[in-house]
Amino acid sequence: MNTTINRLVIRAAAWVHMSAPRWGVKVREERGDVPGWVLVTVMTAGLVVAVWSVADGQLKSVLTSALRSVSQP
């Protein structure tokens, strides 16, 4: 599963790297664009939900472990 995730991360990074120059022009032209910021917010929320649904058990165990280590000397 890690190799699949690694491949997806590499593809996403490559896509962002290749698309970034085009985004720079659009961002300068549409600065202050409310629908754009709404889209960014919705996409961020979607990413949080996706990660949370995949790693729910692992996130719970990490949080529980961290809280136990802080509360117990």
PDB file of N, CA and C in Angstrom:
ATOM      1  N   MET A   1       0.814  -1.186   0.000  1.00  0.00           N
ATOM      2  CA  MET A   1       0.000   0.000   0.000  1.00  0.00           C
ATOM      3  C   MET A   1       0.866   1.261   0.000  1.00  0.00           C
ATOM      4  N   ASN A   2       2.007   1.208   0.685  1.00  0.00           N
ATOM      5  CA  ASN A   2       2.887   2.376   0.724  1.00  0.00           C
ATOM      6  C   ASN A   2       3.398   2.742  -0.655  1.00  0.00           C
ATOM      7  N   THR A   3       3.675   1.727  -1.492  1.00  0.00           N
ATOM      8  CA  THR A   3       4.162   2.044  -2.829  1.00  0.00           C
ATOM      9  C   THR A   3       3.083   2.732  -3.648  1.00  0.00           C
ATOM     10  N   THR A   4       1.829   2.331  -3.473  1.00  0.00           N
ATOM     11  CA  THR A   4       0.740   2.985  -4.191  1.00  0.00           C
ATOM     12  C   THR A   4       0.613   4.434  -3.755  1.00  0.00           C
ATOM     13  N   ILE A   5       0.678   4.672  -2.457  1.00  0.00           N
ATOM     14  CA  ILE A   5       0.585   6.040  -1.942  1.00  0.00           C
ATOM     15  C   ILE A   5       1.774   6.857  -2.423  1.00  0.00           C
ATOM     16  N   ASN A   6       2.968   6.266  -2.396  1.00  0.00           N
ATOM     17  CA  ASN A   6       4.158   6.979  -2.863  1.00  0.00           C
ATOM     18  C   ASN A   6       4.026   7.360  -4.328  1.00  0.00           C
ATOM     19  N   ARG A   7       3.516   6.458  -5.146  1.00  0.00           N
ATOM     20  CA  ARG A   7       3.330   6.763  -6.569  1.00  0.00           C
ATOM     21  C   ARG A   7       2.340   7.900  -6.755  1.00  0.00           C
ATOM     22  N   LEU A   8       1.250   7.879  -5.998  1.00  0.00           N
ATOM     23  CA  LEU A   8       0.258   8.945  -6.106  1.00  0.00           C
ATOM     24  C   LEU A   8       0.835  10.290  -5.678  1.00  0.00           C
ATOM     25  N   VAL A   9       1.638  10.283  -4.621  1.00  0.00           N
ATOM     26  CA  VAL A   9       2.254  11.528  -4.156  1.00  0.00           C
ATOM     27  C   VAL A   9       3.231  12.055  -5.197  1.00  0.00           C
ATOM     28  N   ILE A  10       4.005  11.176  -5.795  1.00  0.00           N
ATOM     29  CA  ILE A  10       4.962  11.597  -6.821  1.00  0.00           C
ATOM     30  C   ILE A  10       4.230  12.158  -8.030  1.00  0.00           C
ATOM     31  N   ARG A  11       3.154  11.500  -8.452  1.00  0.00           N
ATOM     32  CA  ARG A  11       2.368  12.011  -9.582  1.00  0.00           C
ATOM     33  C   ARG A  11       1.778  13.376  -9.274  1.00  0.00           C
ATOM     34  N   ALA A  12       1.234  13.522  -8.064  1.00  0.00           N
ATOM     35  CA  ALA A  12       0.640  14.808  -7.686  1.00  0.00           C
ATOM     36  C   ALA A  12       1.699  15.903  -7.657  1.00  0.00           C
ATOM     37  N   ALA A  13       2.868  15.594  -7.113  1.00  0.00           N
ATOM     38  CA  ALA A  13       3.942  16.585  -7.047  1.00  0.00           C
ATOM     39  C   ALA A  13       4.411  16.975  -8.447  1.00  0.00           C
ATOM     40  N   ALA A  14       4.516  16.005  -9.334  1.00  0.00           N
ATOM     41  CA  ALA A  14       4.924  16.295 -10.709  1.00  0.00           C
ATOM     42  C   ALA A  14       3.883  17.159 -11.410  1.00  0.00           C
ATOM     43  N   TRP A  15       2.614  16.847 -11.196  1.00  0.00           N
ATOM     44  CA  TRP A  15       1.544  17.626 -11.818  1.00  0.00           C
ATOM     45  C   TRP A  15       1.563  19.067 -11.319  1.00  0.00           C
ATOM     46  N   VAL A  16       1.746  19.245 -10.013  1.00  0.00           N
ATOM     47  CA  VAL A  16       1.802  20.598  -9.449  1.00  0.00           C
ATOM     48  C   VAL A  16       3.006  21.341 -10.003  1.00  0.00           C
ATOM     49  N   HIS A  17       4.133  20.659 -10.093  1.00  0.00           N
ATOM     50  CA  HIS A  17       5.354  21.289 -10.601  1.00  0.00           C
ATOM     51  C   HIS A  17       5.177  21.732 -12.050  1.00  0.00           C
ATOM     52  N   MET A  18       4.540  20.904 -12.863  1.00  0.00           N
ATOM     53  CA  MET A  18       4.347  21.238 -14.271  1.00  0.00           C
ATOM     54  C   MET A  18       3.282  22.324 -14.462  1.00  0.00           C
ATOM     55  N   SER A  19       2.303  22.389 -13.578  1.00  0.00           N
ATOM     56  CA  SER A  19       1.200  23.339 -13.728  1.00  0.00           C
ATOM     57  C   SER A  19       1.451  24.668 -13.032  1.00  0.00           C
ATOM     58  N   ALA A  20       2.425  24.735 -12.164  1.00  0.00           N
ATOM     59  CA  ALA A  20       2.655  25.933 -11.354  1.00  0.00           C
ATOM     60  C   ALA A  20       2.879  27.198 -12.180  1.00  0.00           C
ATOM     61  N   PRO A  21       3.656  27.168 -13.266  1.00  0.00           N
ATOM     62  CA  PRO A  21       3.843  28.415 -14.021  1.00  0.00           C
ATOM     63  C   PRO A  21       2.527  28.986 -14.557  1.00  0.00           C
ATOM     64  N   ARG A  22       1.629  28.126 -14.987  1.00  0.00           N
ATOM     65  CA  ARG A  22       0.340  28.601 -15.486  1.00  0.00           C
ATOM     66  C   ARG A  22      -0.500  29.177 -14.358  1.00  0.00           C
ATOM     67  N   TRP A  23      -0.399  28.617 -13.171  1.00  0.00           N
ATOM     68  CA  TRP A  23      -1.176  29.094 -12.029  1.00  0.00           C
ATOM     69  C   TRP A  23      -0.717  30.482 -11.610  1.00  0.00           C
ATOM     70  N   GLY A  24       0.576  30.745 -11.723  1.00  0.00           N
ATOM     71  CA  GLY A  24       1.098  32.040 -11.303  1.00  0.00           C
ATOM     72  C   GLY A  24       0.439  33.192 -12.037  1.00  0.00           C
ATOM     73  N   VAL A  25       0.235  33.039 -13.337  1.00  0.00           N
ATOM     74  CA  VAL A  25      -0.411  34.086 -14.120  1.00  0.00           C
ATOM     75  C   VAL A  25      -1.864  34.225 -13.698  1.00  0.00           C
ATOM     76  N   LYS A  26      -2.564  33.113 -13.541  1.00  0.00           N
ATOM     77  CA  LYS A  26      -3.975  33.157 -13.167  1.00  0.00           C
ATOM     78  C   LYS A  26      -4.163  33.760 -11.784  1.00  0.00           C
ATOM     79  N   VAL A  27      -3.282  33.430 -10.858  1.00  0.00           N
ATOM     80  CA  VAL A  27      -3.415  33.947  -9.496  1.00  0.00           C
ATOM     81  C   VAL A  27      -3.248  35.458  -9.488  1.00  0.00           C
ATOM     82  N   ARG A  28      -2.299  35.972 -10.246  1.00  0.00           N
ATOM     83  CA  ARG A  28      -2.094  37.417 -10.289  1.00  0.00           C
ATOM     84  C   ARG A  28      -3.288  38.131 -10.919  1.00  0.00           C
ATOM     85  N   GLU A  29      -3.889  37.523 -11.942  1.00  0.00           N
ATOM     86  CA  GLU A  29      -5.023  38.146 -12.614  1.00  0.00           C
ATOM     87  C   GLU A  29      -6.285  38.091 -11.768  1.00  0.00           C
ATOM     88  N   GLU A  30      -6.458  37.046 -10.963  1.00  0.00           N
ATOM     89  CA  GLU A  30      -7.690  36.841 -10.224  1.00  0.00           C
ATOM     90  C   GLU A  30      -7.484  36.996  -8.718  1.00  0.00           C
ATOM     91  N   ARG A  31      -6.612  37.858  -8.332  1.00  0.00           N
ATOM     92  CA  ARG A  31      -6.342  38.047  -6.906  1.00  0.00           C
ATOM     93  C   ARG A  31      -7.588  38.593  -6.208  1.00  0.00           C
ATOM     94  N   GLY A  32      -7.945  37.983  -5.080  1.00  0.00           N
ATOM     95  CA  GLY A  32      -9.130  38.403  -4.365  1.00  0.00           C
ATOM     96  C   GLY A  32     -10.401  37.754  -4.878  1.00  0.00           C
ATOM     97  N   ASP A  33     -10.279  36.717  -5.661  1.00  0.00           N
ATOM     98  CA  ASP A  33     -11.423  36.033  -6.248  1.00  0.00           C
ATOM     99  C   ASP A  33     -12.113  35.170  -5.197  1.00  0.00           C
ATOM    100  N   VAL A  34     -13.312  35.562  -4.780  1.00  0.00           N
ATOM    101  CA  VAL A  34     -14.020  34.843  -3.718  1.00  0.00           C
ATOM    102  C   VAL A  34     -14.367  33.415  -4.127  1.00  0.00           C
ATOM    103  N   PRO A  35     -14.926  33.160  -5.328  1.00  0.00           N
ATOM    104  CA  PRO A  35     -15.221  31.760  -5.686  1.00  0.00           C
ATOM    105  C   PRO A  35     -13.975  30.871  -5.692  1.00  0.00           C
ATOM    106  N   GLY A  36     -12.837  31.442  -6.028  1.00  0.00           N
ATOM    107  CA  GLY A  36     -11.597  30.671  -5.988  1.00  0.00           C
ATOM    108  C   GLY A  36     -11.237  30.257  -4.576  1.00  0.00           C
ATOM    109  N   TRP A  37     -11.380  31.167  -3.644  1.00  0.00           N
ATOM    110  CA  TRP A  37     -11.086  30.845  -2.247  1.00  0.00           C
ATOM    111  C   TRP A  37     -12.088  29.854  -1.682  1.00  0.00           C
ATOM    112  N   VAL A  38     -13.333  29.961  -2.112  1.00  0.00           N
ATOM    113  CA  VAL A  38     -14.338  28.982  -1.684  1.00  0.00           C
ATOM    114  C   VAL A  38     -13.956  27.603  -2.203  1.00  0.00           C
ATOM    115  N   LEU A  39     -13.516  27.531  -3.450  1.00  0.00           N
ATOM    116  CA  LEU A  39     -13.094  26.255  -4.027  1.00  0.00           C
ATOM    117  C   LEU A  39     -11.908  25.677  -3.260  1.00  0.00           C
ATOM    118  N   VAL A  40     -10.946  26.514  -2.924  1.00  0.00           N
ATOM    119  CA  VAL A  40      -9.788  26.047  -2.151  1.00  0.00           C
ATOM    120  C   VAL A  40     -10.237  25.504  -0.801  1.00  0.00           C
ATOM    121  N   THR A  41     -11.162  26.201  -0.151  1.00  0.00           N
ATOM    122  CA  THR A  41     -11.656  25.760   1.153  1.00  0.00           C
ATOM    123  C   THR A  41     -12.383  24.431   1.049  1.00  0.00           C
ATOM    124  N   VAL A  42     -13.231  24.295   0.040  1.00  0.00           N
ATOM    125  CA  VAL A  42     -13.985  23.047  -0.142  1.00  0.00           C
ATOM    126  C   VAL A  42     -13.044  21.896  -0.478  1.00  0.00           C
ATOM    127  N   MET A  43     -12.047  22.146  -1.322  1.00  0.00           N
ATOM    128  CA  MET A  43     -11.102  21.088  -1.675  1.00  0.00           C
ATOM    129  C   MET A  43     -10.262  20.685  -0.462  1.00  0.00           C
ATOM    130  N   THR A  44      -9.886  21.637   0.366  1.00  0.00           N
ATOM    131  CA  THR A  44      -9.140  21.317   1.579  1.00  0.00           C
ATOM    132  C   THR A  44      -9.976  20.459   2.511  1.00  0.00           C
ATOM    133  N   ALA A  45     -11.241  20.824   2.667  1.00  0.00           N
ATOM    134  CA  ALA A  45     -12.133  20.020   3.504  1.00  0.00           C
ATOM    135  C   ALA A  45     -12.278  18.612   2.931  1.00  0.00           C
ATOM    136  N   GLY A  46     -12.355  18.492   1.616  1.00  0.00           N
ATOM    137  CA  GLY A  46     -12.439  17.177   0.982  1.00  0.00           C
ATOM    138  C   GLY A  46     -11.199  16.343   1.233  1.00  0.00           C
ATOM    139  N   LEU A  47     -10.032  16.971   1.164  1.00  0.00           N
ATOM    140  CA  LEU A  47      -8.790  16.246   1.442  1.00  0.00           C
ATOM    141  C   LEU A  47      -8.738  15.775   2.889  1.00  0.00           C
ATOM    142  N   VAL A  48      -9.196  16.614   3.805  1.00  0.00           N
ATOM    143  CA  VAL A  48      -9.216  16.223   5.218  1.00  0.00           C
ATOM    144  C   VAL A  48     -10.127  15.026   5.415  1.00  0.00           C
ATOM    145  N   VAL A  49     -11.302  15.056   4.805  1.00  0.00           N
ATOM    146  CA  VAL A  49     -12.241  13.931   4.927  1.00  0.00           C
ATOM    147  C   VAL A  49     -11.642  12.666   4.320  1.00  0.00           C
ATOM    148  N   ALA A  50     -10.979  12.791   3.174  1.00  0.00           N
ATOM    149  CA  ALA A  50     -10.387  11.622   2.524  1.00  0.00           C
ATOM    150  C   ALA A  50      -9.284  11.007   3.384  1.00  0.00           C
ATOM    151  N   VAL A  51      -8.394  11.841   3.903  1.00  0.00           N
ATOM    152  CA  VAL A  51      -7.309  11.328   4.751  1.00  0.00           C
ATOM    153  C   VAL A  51      -7.879  10.729   6.026  1.00  0.00           C
ATOM    154  N   TRP A  52      -8.849  11.400   6.598  1.00  0.00           N
ATOM    155  CA  TRP A  52      -9.457  10.934   7.838  1.00  0.00           C
ATOM    156  C   TRP A  52     -10.132   9.588   7.638  1.00  0.00           C
ATOM    157  N   SER A  53     -10.819   9.400   6.517  1.00  0.00           N
ATOM    158  CA  SER A  53     -11.509   8.128   6.284  1.00  0.00           C
ATOM    159  C   SER A  53     -10.527   6.983   6.071  1.00  0.00           C
ATOM    160  N   VAL A  54      -9.382   7.277   5.484  1.00  0.00           N
ATOM    161  CA  VAL A  54      -8.387   6.231   5.230  1.00  0.00           C
ATOM    162  C   VAL A  54      -7.606   5.890   6.497  1.00  0.00           C
ATOM    163  N   ALA A  55      -7.254   6.899   7.286  1.00  0.00           N
ATOM    164  CA  ALA A  55      -6.344   6.694   8.415  1.00  0.00           C
ATOM    165  C   ALA A  55      -7.017   6.910   9.764  1.00  0.00           C
ATOM    166  N   ASP A  56      -8.313   6.664   9.861  1.00  0.00           N
ATOM    167  CA  ASP A  56      -9.054   6.931  11.097  1.00  0.00           C
ATOM    168  C   ASP A  56      -8.474   6.164  12.284  1.00  0.00           C
ATOM    169  N   GLY A  57      -8.296   4.871  12.144  1.00  0.00           N
ATOM    170  CA  GLY A  57      -7.771   4.058  13.245  1.00  0.00           C
ATOM    171  C   GLY A  57      -6.364   4.453  13.646  1.00  0.00           C
ATOM    172  N   GLN A  58      -5.534   4.721  12.666  1.00  0.00           N
ATOM    173  CA  GLN A  58      -4.154   5.105  12.950  1.00  0.00           C
ATOM    174  C   GLN A  58      -4.084   6.470  13.624  1.00  0.00           C
ATOM    175  N   LEU A  59      -4.930   7.398  13.188  1.00  0.00           N
ATOM    176  CA  LEU A  59      -4.956   8.716  13.821  1.00  0.00           C
ATOM    177  C   LEU A  59      -5.418   8.621  15.269  1.00  0.00           C
ATOM    178  N   LYS A  60      -6.404   7.760  15.525  1.00  0.00           N
ATOM    179  CA  LYS A  60      -6.882   7.578  16.894  1.00  0.00           C
ATOM    180  C   LYS A  60      -5.780   7.012  17.783  1.00  0.00           C
ATOM    181  N   SER A  61      -5.051   6.025  17.267  1.00  0.00           N
ATOM    182  CA  SER A  61      -3.993   5.422  18.079  1.00  0.00           C
ATOM    183  C   SER A  61      -2.853   6.409  18.337  1.00  0.00           C
ATOM    184  N   VAL A  62      -2.509   7.213  17.356  1.00  0.00           N
ATOM    185  CA  VAL A  62      -1.455   8.215  17.545  1.00  0.00           C
ATOM    186  C   VAL A  62      -1.890   9.251  18.577  1.00  0.00           C
ATOM    187  N   LEU A  63      -3.128   9.730  18.469  1.00  0.00           N
ATOM    188  CA  LEU A  63      -3.620  10.722  19.418  1.00  0.00           C
ATOM    189  C   LEU A  63      -3.710  10.148  20.828  1.00  0.00           C
ATOM    190  N   THR A  64      -4.215   8.921  20.943  1.00  0.00           N
ATOM    191  CA  THR A  64      -4.315   8.279  22.254  1.00  0.00           C
ATOM    192  C   THR A  64      -2.936   8.099  22.876  1.00  0.00           C
ATOM    193  N   SER A  65      -1.987   7.645  22.081  1.00  0.00           N
ATOM    194  CA  SER A  65      -0.623   7.457  22.572  1.00  0.00           C
ATOM    195  C   SER A  65      -0.008   8.781  23.018  1.00  0.00           C
ATOM    196  N   ALA A  66      -0.217   9.827  22.242  1.00  0.00           N
ATOM    197  CA  ALA A  66       0.337  11.138  22.593  1.00  0.00           C
ATOM    198  C   ALA A  66      -0.285  11.668  23.878  1.00  0.00           C
ATOM    199  N   LEU A  67      -1.596  11.516  24.009  1.00  0.00           N
ATOM    200  CA  LEU A  67      -2.259  12.004  25.218  1.00  0.00           C
ATOM    201  C   LEU A  67      -1.839  11.210  26.448  1.00  0.00           C
ATOM    202  N   ARG A  68      -1.656   9.912  26.295  1.00  0.00           N
ATOM    203  CA  ARG A  68      -1.205   9.096  27.429  1.00  0.00           C
ATOM    204  C   ARG A  68       0.208   9.474  27.851  1.00  0.00           C
ATOM    205  N   SER A  69       1.069   9.738  26.894  1.00  0.00           N
ATOM    206  CA  SER A  69       2.450  10.085  27.237  1.00  0.00           C
ATOM    207  C   SER A  69       2.537  11.442  27.931  1.00  0.00           C
ATOM    208  N   VAL A  70       1.611  12.332  27.630  1.00  0.00           N
ATOM    209  CA  VAL A  70       1.608  13.642  28.276  1.00  0.00           C
ATOM    210  C   VAL A  70       0.997  13.562  29.670  1.00  0.00           C
ATOM    211  N   SER A  71      -0.057  12.771  29.815  1.00  0.00           N
ATOM    212  CA  SER A  71      -0.759  12.728  31.102  1.00  0.00           C
ATOM    213  C   SER A  71      -0.065  11.839  32.129  1.00  0.00           C
ATOM    214  N   GLN A  72       0.743  10.893  31.678  1.00  0.00           N
ATOM    215  CA  GLN A  72       1.450  10.002  32.601  1.00  0.00           C
ATOM    216  C   GLN A  72       2.931  10.371  32.624  1.00  0.00           C
ATOM    217  N   PRO A  73       3.487  10.585  33.818  1.00  0.00           N
ATOM    218  CA  PRO A  73       4.911  10.963  33.899  1.00  0.00           C
ATOM    219  C   PRO A  73       5.842   9.825  33.543  1.00  0.00           C
TER     220      PRO A  73
END
